[in-house]
C-alpha atoms as a PDB file:
ATOM      1  CA  MET A   1     -31.893  -0.469   0.861  1.00  0.00           C
ATOM      2  CA  SER A   2     -28.451  -0.634  -0.648  1.00  0.00           C
ATOM      3  CA  GLU A   3     -27.038   2.424  -2.428  1.00  0.00           C
ATOM      4  CA  ARG A   4     -24.359   3.127  -5.020  1.00  0.00           C
ATOM      5  CA  ILE A   5     -21.870   5.787  -3.912  1.00  0.00           C
ATOM      6  CA  GLY A   6     -19.581   7.399  -6.406  1.00  0.00           C
ATOM      7  CA  TYR A   7     -16.065   8.703  -5.796  1.00  0.00           C
ATOM      8  CA  GLY A   8     -13.921  10.737  -8.161  1.00  0.00           C
ATOM      9  CA  ARG A   9     -10.552  12.422  -7.885  1.00  0.00           C
ATOM     10  CA  VAL A  10      -9.365  15.222 -10.162  1.00  0.00           C
ATOM     11  CA  SER A  11      -6.725  17.930 -10.255  1.00  0.00           C
ATOM     12  CA  THR A  12      -8.030  21.455  -9.864  1.00  0.00           C
ATOM     13  CA  ARG A  13      -5.365  22.659 -12.286  1.00  0.00           C
ATOM     14  CA  ASP A  14      -6.015  20.696 -15.457  1.00  0.00           C
ATOM     15  CA  GLN A  15      -9.015  18.379 -15.032  1.00  0.00           C
ATOM     16  CA  ASN A  16     -12.750  18.837 -15.021  1.00  0.00           C
ATOM     17  CA  PRO A  17     -14.873  16.631 -12.756  1.00  0.00           C
ATOM     18  CA  ASP A  18     -17.880  16.691 -15.096  1.00  0.00           C
ATOM     19  CA  SER A  19     -16.833  13.611 -17.084  1.00  0.00           C
ATOM     20  CA  GLN A  20     -16.300  11.565 -13.973  1.00  0.00           C
ATOM     21  CA  ARG A  21     -19.510  12.794 -12.410  1.00  0.00           C
ATOM     22  CA  ASP A  22     -21.429  11.875 -15.602  1.00  0.00           C
ATOM     23  CA  ALA A  23     -19.873   8.378 -15.624  1.00  0.00           C
ATOM     24  CA  LEU A  24     -20.729   7.847 -11.932  1.00  0.00           C
ATOM     25  CA  GLU A  25     -24.302   9.055 -12.444  1.00  0.00           C
ATOM     26  CA  SER A  26     -24.677   6.789 -15.421  1.00  0.00           C
ATOM     27  CA  ALA A  27     -23.508   3.898 -13.211  1.00  0.00           C
ATOM     28  CA  GLY A  28     -26.458   4.578 -10.891  1.00  0.00           C
ATOM     29  CA  CYS A  29     -24.753   6.521  -8.133  1.00  0.00           C
ATOM     30  CA  THR A  30     -27.149   8.501  -5.974  1.00  0.00           C
ATOM     31  CA  LYS A  31     -24.444  10.100  -3.822  1.00  0.00           C
ATOM     32  CA  ILE A  32     -21.174  11.334  -5.299  1.00  0.00           C
ATOM     33  CA  PHE A  33     -18.010  12.601  -3.659  1.00  0.00           C
ATOM     34  CA  ILE A  34     -15.440  14.418  -5.802  1.00  0.00           C
ATOM     35  CA  GLU A  35     -11.834  15.015  -4.567  1.00  0.00           C
ATOM     36  CA  LYS A  36     -10.202  18.140  -5.989  1.00  0.00           C
ATOM     37  CA  VAL A  37      -6.486  18.317  -5.307  1.00  0.00           C
ATOM     38  CA  SER A  38      -3.817  20.797  -6.457  1.00  0.00           C
ATOM     39  CA  THR A  39      -0.937  18.445  -5.632  1.00  0.00           C
ATOM     40  CA  ARG A  40      -0.604  14.707  -5.001  1.00  0.00           C
ATOM     41  CA  LYS A  41      -1.402  14.093  -1.353  1.00  0.00           C
ATOM     42  CA  ASP A  42      -1.729  10.992   0.771  1.00  0.00           C
ATOM     43  CA  ARG A  43      -4.940  12.121   2.470  1.00  0.00           C
ATOM     44  CA  ARG A  44      -8.227  11.841   0.558  1.00  0.00           C
ATOM     45  CA  PRO A  45     -10.873  13.542   2.742  1.00  0.00           C
ATOM     46  CA  GLN A  46     -13.643  12.950   0.169  1.00  0.00           C
ATOM     47  CA  LEU A  47     -12.815   9.231  -0.012  1.00  0.00           C
ATOM     48  CA  GLU A  48     -12.912   9.115   3.766  1.00  0.00           C
ATOM     49  CA  ALA A  49     -16.264  10.874   3.648  1.00  0.00           C
ATOM     50  CA  ALA A  50     -17.576   8.420   1.049  1.00  0.00           C
ATOM     51  CA  LEU A  51     -16.550   5.462   3.208  1.00  0.00           C
ATOM     52  CA  ALA A  52     -18.046   7.047   6.320  1.00  0.00           C
ATOM     53  CA  TYR A  53     -21.281   7.511   4.414  1.00  0.00           C
ATOM     54  CA  ALA A  54     -21.380   3.946   3.055  1.00  0.00           C
ATOM     55  CA  ARG A  55     -23.189   1.179   4.882  1.00  0.00           C
ATOM     56  CA  PRO A  56     -22.887  -2.622   4.607  1.00  0.00           C
ATOM     57  CA  GLU A  57     -24.222  -3.894   1.290  1.00  0.00           C
ATOM     58  CA  ASP A  58     -23.664  -0.497  -0.328  1.00  0.00           C
ATOM     59  CA  THR A  59     -21.433  -0.259  -3.439  1.00  0.00           C
ATOM     60  CA  LEU A  60     -18.617   2.158  -3.935  1.00  0.00           C
ATOM     61  CA  VAL A  61     -18.148   3.110  -7.586  1.00  0.00           C
ATOM     62  CA  ILE A  62     -14.944   4.663  -8.984  1.00  0.00           C
ATOM     63  CA  THR A  63     -13.838   5.132 -12.561  1.00  0.00           C
ATOM     64  CA  ARG A  64     -10.226   3.957 -12.083  1.00  0.00           C
ATOM     65  CA  LEU A  65      -8.497   2.021  -9.274  1.00  0.00           C
ATOM     66  CA  ALA A  66      -5.669   4.579  -9.204  1.00  0.00           C
ATOM     67  CA  GLN A  67      -8.127   7.141  -7.801  1.00  0.00           C
ATOM     68  CA  ALA A  68      -8.299   5.201  -4.548  1.00  0.00           C
ATOM     69  CA  ALA A  69      -4.719   3.960  -4.258  1.00  0.00           C
ATOM     70  CA  HIS A  70      -1.215   5.115  -5.188  1.00  0.00           C
ATOM     71  CA  ASN A  71       0.472   1.712  -5.096  1.00  0.00           C
ATOM     72  CA  PHE A  72      -0.076  -2.007  -4.592  1.00  0.00           C
ATOM     73  CA  LYS A  73       0.137  -1.720  -0.798  1.00  0.00           C
ATOM     74  CA  GLU A  74      -2.656   0.852  -0.756  1.00  0.00           C
ATOM     75  CA  ILE A  75      -4.764  -1.279  -3.089  1.00  0.00           C
ATOM     76  CA  ILE A  76      -4.531  -4.135  -0.577  1.00  0.00           C
ATOM     77  CA  GLU A  77      -5.444  -1.894   2.339  1.00  0.00           C
ATOM     78  CA  PHE A  78      -8.329  -0.372   0.353  1.00  0.00           C
ATOM     79  CA  ALA A  79      -9.715  -3.791  -0.600  1.00  0.00           C
ATOM     80  CA  GLU A  80      -9.391  -5.093   2.973  1.00  0.00           C
ATOM     81  CA  THR A  81     -11.233  -2.048   4.315  1.00  0.00           C
ATOM     82  CA  LEU A  82     -14.148  -2.510   1.922  1.00  0.00           C
ATOM     83  CA  GLN A  83     -14.299  -6.269   2.481  1.00  0.00           C
ATOM     84  CA  ALA A  84     -14.264  -5.866   6.277  1.00  0.00           C
ATOM     85  CA  ARG A  85     -17.148  -3.413   6.107  1.00  0.00           C
ATOM     86  CA  GLY A  86     -19.202  -5.412   3.641  1.00  0.00           C
ATOM     87  CA  ILE A  87     -19.013  -2.774   0.940  1.00  0.00           C
ATOM     88  CA  ASP A  88     -18.809  -3.832  -2.698  1.00  0.00           C
ATOM     89  CA  LEU A  89     -16.627  -2.149  -5.273  1.00  0.00           C
ATOM     90  CA  ILE A  90     -17.142  -1.280  -8.928  1.00  0.00           C
ATOM     91  CA  VAL A  91     -14.264   0.088 -11.009  1.00  0.00           C
ATOM     92  CA  LEU A  92     -15.743   1.212 -14.330  1.00  0.00           C
ATOM     93  CA  GLU A  93     -12.674   1.415 -16.589  1.00  0.00           C
ATOM     94  CA  GLN A  94     -11.096  -1.798 -15.297  1.00  0.00           C
ATOM     95  CA  ASN A  95     -14.247  -3.897 -15.235  1.00  0.00           C
ATOM     96  CA  ILE A  96     -14.009  -4.817 -11.551  1.00  0.00           C
ATOM     97  CA  ASP A  97     -17.362  -5.561  -9.985  1.00  0.00           C
ATOM     98  CA  THR A  98     -17.420  -7.338  -6.613  1.00  0.00           C
ATOM     99  CA  THR A  99     -21.209  -7.612  -6.690  1.00  0.00           C
ATOM    100  CA  THR A 100     -20.684 -10.560  -9.038  1.00  0.00           C
ATOM    101  CA  ALA A 101     -19.126 -13.941  -8.262  1.00  0.00           C
ATOM    102  CA  THR A 102     -16.293 -13.286 -10.750  1.00  0.00           C
ATOM    103  CA  GLY A 103     -15.738  -9.830  -9.397  1.00  0.00           C
ATOM    104  CA  ARG A 104     -15.437 -11.097  -5.795  1.00  0.00           C
ATOM    105  CA  LEU A 105     -12.301 -12.925  -6.873  1.00  0.00           C
ATOM    106  CA  PHE A 106     -10.707  -9.489  -6.919  1.00  0.00           C
ATOM    107  CA  PHE A 107     -10.538  -9.408  -3.138  1.00  0.00           C
ATOM    108  CA  HIS A 108      -9.166 -12.961  -2.952  1.00  0.00           C
ATOM    109  CA  ILE A 109      -6.547 -12.331  -5.598  1.00  0.00           C
ATOM    110  CA  ILE A 110      -5.334  -9.155  -3.924  1.00  0.00           C
ATOM    111  CA  GLY A 111      -5.060 -10.943  -0.588  1.00  0.00           C
ATOM    112  CA  ALA A 112      -3.297 -13.916  -2.172  1.00  0.00           C
ATOM    113  CA  LEU A 113      -0.746 -11.709  -3.910  1.00  0.00           C
ATOM    114  CA  ASP A 114       0.066  -9.844  -0.695  1.00  0.00           C
ATOM    115  CA  GLU A 115       0.490 -13.158   1.170  1.00  0.00           C
ATOM    116  CA  PHE A 116       2.731 -14.425  -1.643  1.00  0.00           C
ATOM    117  CA  ARG A 117       4.889 -11.279  -1.397  1.00  0.00           C
ATOM    118  CA  ARG A 118       5.278 -11.653   2.342  1.00  0.00           C
ATOM    119  CA  ASP A 119       6.079 -15.357   2.009  1.00  0.00           C
ATOM    120  CA  LEU A 120       8.880 -14.587  -0.468  1.00  0.00           C
ATOM    121  CA  ILE A 121      10.398 -12.031   1.904  1.00  0.00           C
ATOM    122  CA  GLN A 122      10.154 -14.421   4.856  1.00  0.00           C
ATOM    123  CA  GLU A 123      11.567 -17.332   2.845  1.00  0.00           C
ATOM    124  CA  SER A 124      14.537 -15.247   1.687  1.00  0.00           C
ATOM    125  CA  THR A 125      15.169 -14.130   5.266  1.00  0.00           C
ATOM    126  CA  PHE A 126      15.081 -17.678   6.618  1.00  0.00           C
ATOM    127  CA  GLU A 127      17.410 -18.889   3.887  1.00  0.00           C
ATOM    128  CA  GLY A 128      19.872 -16.117   4.747  1.00  0.00           C
ATOM    129  CA  LEU A 129      19.783 -17.044   8.414  1.00  0.00           C
ATOM    130  CA  ALA A 130      20.285 -20.751   7.637  1.00  0.00           C
ATOM    131  CA  ALA A 131      23.240 -19.933   5.396  1.00  0.00           C
ATOM    132  CA  ALA A 132      24.786 -17.782   8.127  1.00  0.00           C
ATOM    133  CA  ARG A 133      24.439 -20.593  10.664  1.00  0.00           C
ATOM    134  CA  ALA A 134      25.956 -23.081   8.227  1.00  0.00           C
ATOM    135  CA  ARG A 135      29.028 -20.826   7.790  1.00  0.00           C
ATOM    136  CA  GLY A 136      29.229 -20.343  11.549  1.00  0.00           C
ATOM    137  CA  ARG A 137      29.766 -16.985  13.106  1.00  0.00           C
ATOM    138  CA  THR A 138      32.766 -16.723  15.453  1.00  0.00           C
ATOM    139  CA  GLY A 139      33.899 -13.890  17.731  1.00  0.00           C
ATOM    140  CA  GLY A 140      32.191 -10.605  18.502  1.00  0.00           C
ATOM    141  CA  ARG A 141      28.520  -9.739  18.791  1.00  0.00           C
ATOM    142  CA  PRO A 142      26.336 -11.434  16.136  1.00  0.00           C
ATOM    143  CA  ALA A 143      25.014  -9.055  13.492  1.00  0.00           C
ATOM    144  CA  ALA A 144      21.445  -7.956  14.021  1.00  0.00           C
ATOM    145  CA  MET A 145      20.712  -8.535  10.331  1.00  0.00           C
ATOM    146  CA  SER A 146      22.039 -11.056   7.878  1.00  0.00           C
ATOM    147  CA  ASP A 147      23.532  -9.954   4.512  1.00  0.00           C
ATOM    148  CA  LEU A 148      20.353 -11.182   2.816  1.00  0.00           C
ATOM    149  CA  GLN A 149      18.189  -9.203   5.193  1.00  0.00           C
ATOM    150  CA  ILE A 150      20.263  -6.056   4.535  1.00  0.00           C
ATOM    151  CA  THR A 151      19.874  -6.528   0.808  1.00  0.00           C
ATOM    152  CA  GLN A 152      16.108  -7.051   1.229  1.00  0.00           C
ATOM    153  CA  ALA A 153      15.929  -3.941   3.374  1.00  0.00           C
ATOM    154  CA  ARG A 154      17.705  -1.905   0.690  1.00  0.00           C
ATOM    155  CA  ARG A 155      15.360  -3.203  -2.005  1.00  0.00           C
ATOM    156  CA  MET A 156      12.276  -2.384   0.061  1.00  0.00           C
ATOM    157  CA  TYR A 157      13.687   1.046   1.003  1.00  0.00           C
ATOM    158  CA  ASP A 158      14.422   1.851  -2.657  1.00  0.00           C
ATOM    159  CA  GLU A 159      11.099   0.596  -4.042  1.00  0.00           C
ATOM    160  CA  VAL A 160       9.062   3.461  -5.369  1.00  0.00           C
ATOM    161  CA  GLY A 161       5.328   3.474  -6.018  1.00  0.00           C
ATOM    162  CA  PRO A 162       3.554   5.001  -9.021  1.00  0.00           C
ATOM    163  CA  ASP A 163       3.266   8.267  -7.119  1.00  0.00           C
ATOM    164  CA  GLY A 164       7.065   8.578  -6.879  1.00  0.00           C
ATOM    165  CA  LYS A 165       7.087   7.941  -3.120  1.00  0.00           C
ATOM    166  CA  ARG A 166       8.663   5.073  -1.241  1.00  0.00           C
ATOM    167  CA  ALA A 167       6.408   2.017  -1.299  1.00  0.00           C
ATOM    168  CA  TYR A 168       7.407   1.056   2.271  1.00  0.00           C
ATOM    169  CA  THR A 169       8.123   3.067   5.397  1.00  0.00           C
ATOM    170  CA  VAL A 170      11.144   2.218   7.534  1.00  0.00           C
ATOM    171  CA  GLN A 171       8.747   0.916  10.207  1.00  0.00           C
ATOM    172  CA  GLN A 172       7.148  -1.460   7.711  1.00  0.00           C
ATOM    173  CA  ILE A 173      10.576  -2.706   6.602  1.00  0.00           C
ATOM    174  CA  ALA A 174      11.549  -3.223  10.271  1.00  0.00           C
ATOM    175  CA  ASP A 175       8.312  -5.090  11.022  1.00  0.00           C
ATOM    176  CA  THR A 176       8.754  -7.354   7.975  1.00  0.00           C
ATOM    177  CA  LEU A 177      12.338  -8.282   8.907  1.00  0.00           C
ATOM    178  CA  GLY A 178      11.677  -8.494  12.667  1.00  0.00           C
ATOM    179  CA  VAL A 179      14.088  -5.799  13.788  1.00  0.00           C
ATOM    180  CA  SER A 180      13.881  -2.233  15.084  1.00  0.00           C
ATOM    181  CA  ARG A 181      13.860   0.928  13.021  1.00  0.00           C
ATOM    182  CA  ALA A 182      17.186   1.910  14.509  1.00  0.00           C
ATOM    183  CA  THR A 183      18.697  -1.373  13.311  1.00  0.00           C
ATOM    184  CA  ILE A 184      17.445  -0.702   9.760  1.00  0.00           C
ATOM    185  CA  TYR A 185      18.932   2.794   9.765  1.00  0.00           C
ATOM    186  CA  ARG A 186      22.232   1.535  11.238  1.00  0.00           C
ATOM    187  CA  HIS A 187      22.747  -1.102   8.561  1.00  0.00           C
ATOM    188  CA  LEU A 188      21.755   1.237   5.715  1.00  0.00           C
ATOM    189  CA  ASP A 189      24.131   3.891   7.009  1.00  0.00           C
ATOM    190  CA  GLN A 190      26.974   1.364   7.000  1.00  0.00           C
ATOM    191  CA  HIS A 191      26.840   1.326   3.189  1.00  0.00           C
ATOM    192  CA  PRO A 192      26.590   4.997   2.168  1.00  0.00           C
ATOM    193  CA  ASN A 193      27.989   4.359  -1.313  1.00  0.00           C
ATOM    194  CA  GLN A 194      25.383   1.699  -2.041  1.00  0.00           C
ATOM    195  CA  HIS A 195      22.337   3.236  -0.466  1.00  0.00           C
ATOM    196  CA  PRO A 196      21.032   6.781   0.127  1.00  0.00           C
ATOM    197  CA  ALA A 197      21.115   7.840   3.765  1.00  0.00           C
ATOM    198  CA  PRO A 198      17.654   7.945   5.408  1.00  0.00           C
ATOM    199  CA  ASN A 199      16.001  11.287   5.964  1.00  0.00           C
ATOM    200  CA  PRO A 200      17.271  12.617   9.314  1.00  0.00           C
ATOM    201  CA  ALA A 201      13.764  13.849  10.084  1.00  0.00           C
ATOM    202  CA  GLU A 202      12.541  10.220  10.023  1.00  0.00           C
ATOM    203  CA  ARG A 203      15.165   8.944  12.466  1.00  0.00           C
ATOM    204  CA  PRO A 204      13.965   7.467  15.751  1.00  0.00           C
ATOM    205  CA  ASP A 205      14.700   9.390  18.941  1.00  0.00           C
ATOM    206  CA  THR A 206      16.052   6.341  20.693  1.00  0.00           C
ATOM    207  CA  GLY A 207      18.137   3.310  19.767  1.00  0.00           C
ATOM    208  CA  ASP A 208      17.228  -0.356  19.851  1.00  0.00           C
END
């Protein structure tokens, strides 16, 4: 028999979980997991526990989408995890309910938006490479990244999520542009006045 599982996330400093617990119980949740955090952290052990408890055809209920994700990338990963495991999602305050035909569009829209974003990045990269070939590069070793790729790397590196953290890691930027992390760092470091230097602690131990 399917079950509704509630998940809430509150600050131990200035929020009380009672209102969320009441809302989740009113939504029919028989098992509720409440995350209490003193600072914003990436790990959510209670969410992990809720997902470990859930079974296919169960429904995860949260009050707001921001409780389960800090940014668009995390929303995509969260939706993909639920979909792969056959777990439905209800977001009370944003009227998302994937147990309905209309609500199931949520998963498809999230996936389509992510594919659209990646297509735009890829298209921009290919256009930059085509433009470079049209100009013709002569002499010396070809640059590992085109000017357009470097610009795209800067934009992705500077993009900040709602939590104030970078939306993309250097590894994700490198994977998107098809280069190594060392190459990303090298090109960003070549323009210190236009881009903040990467955190030394994040630097790779080896080169390309």
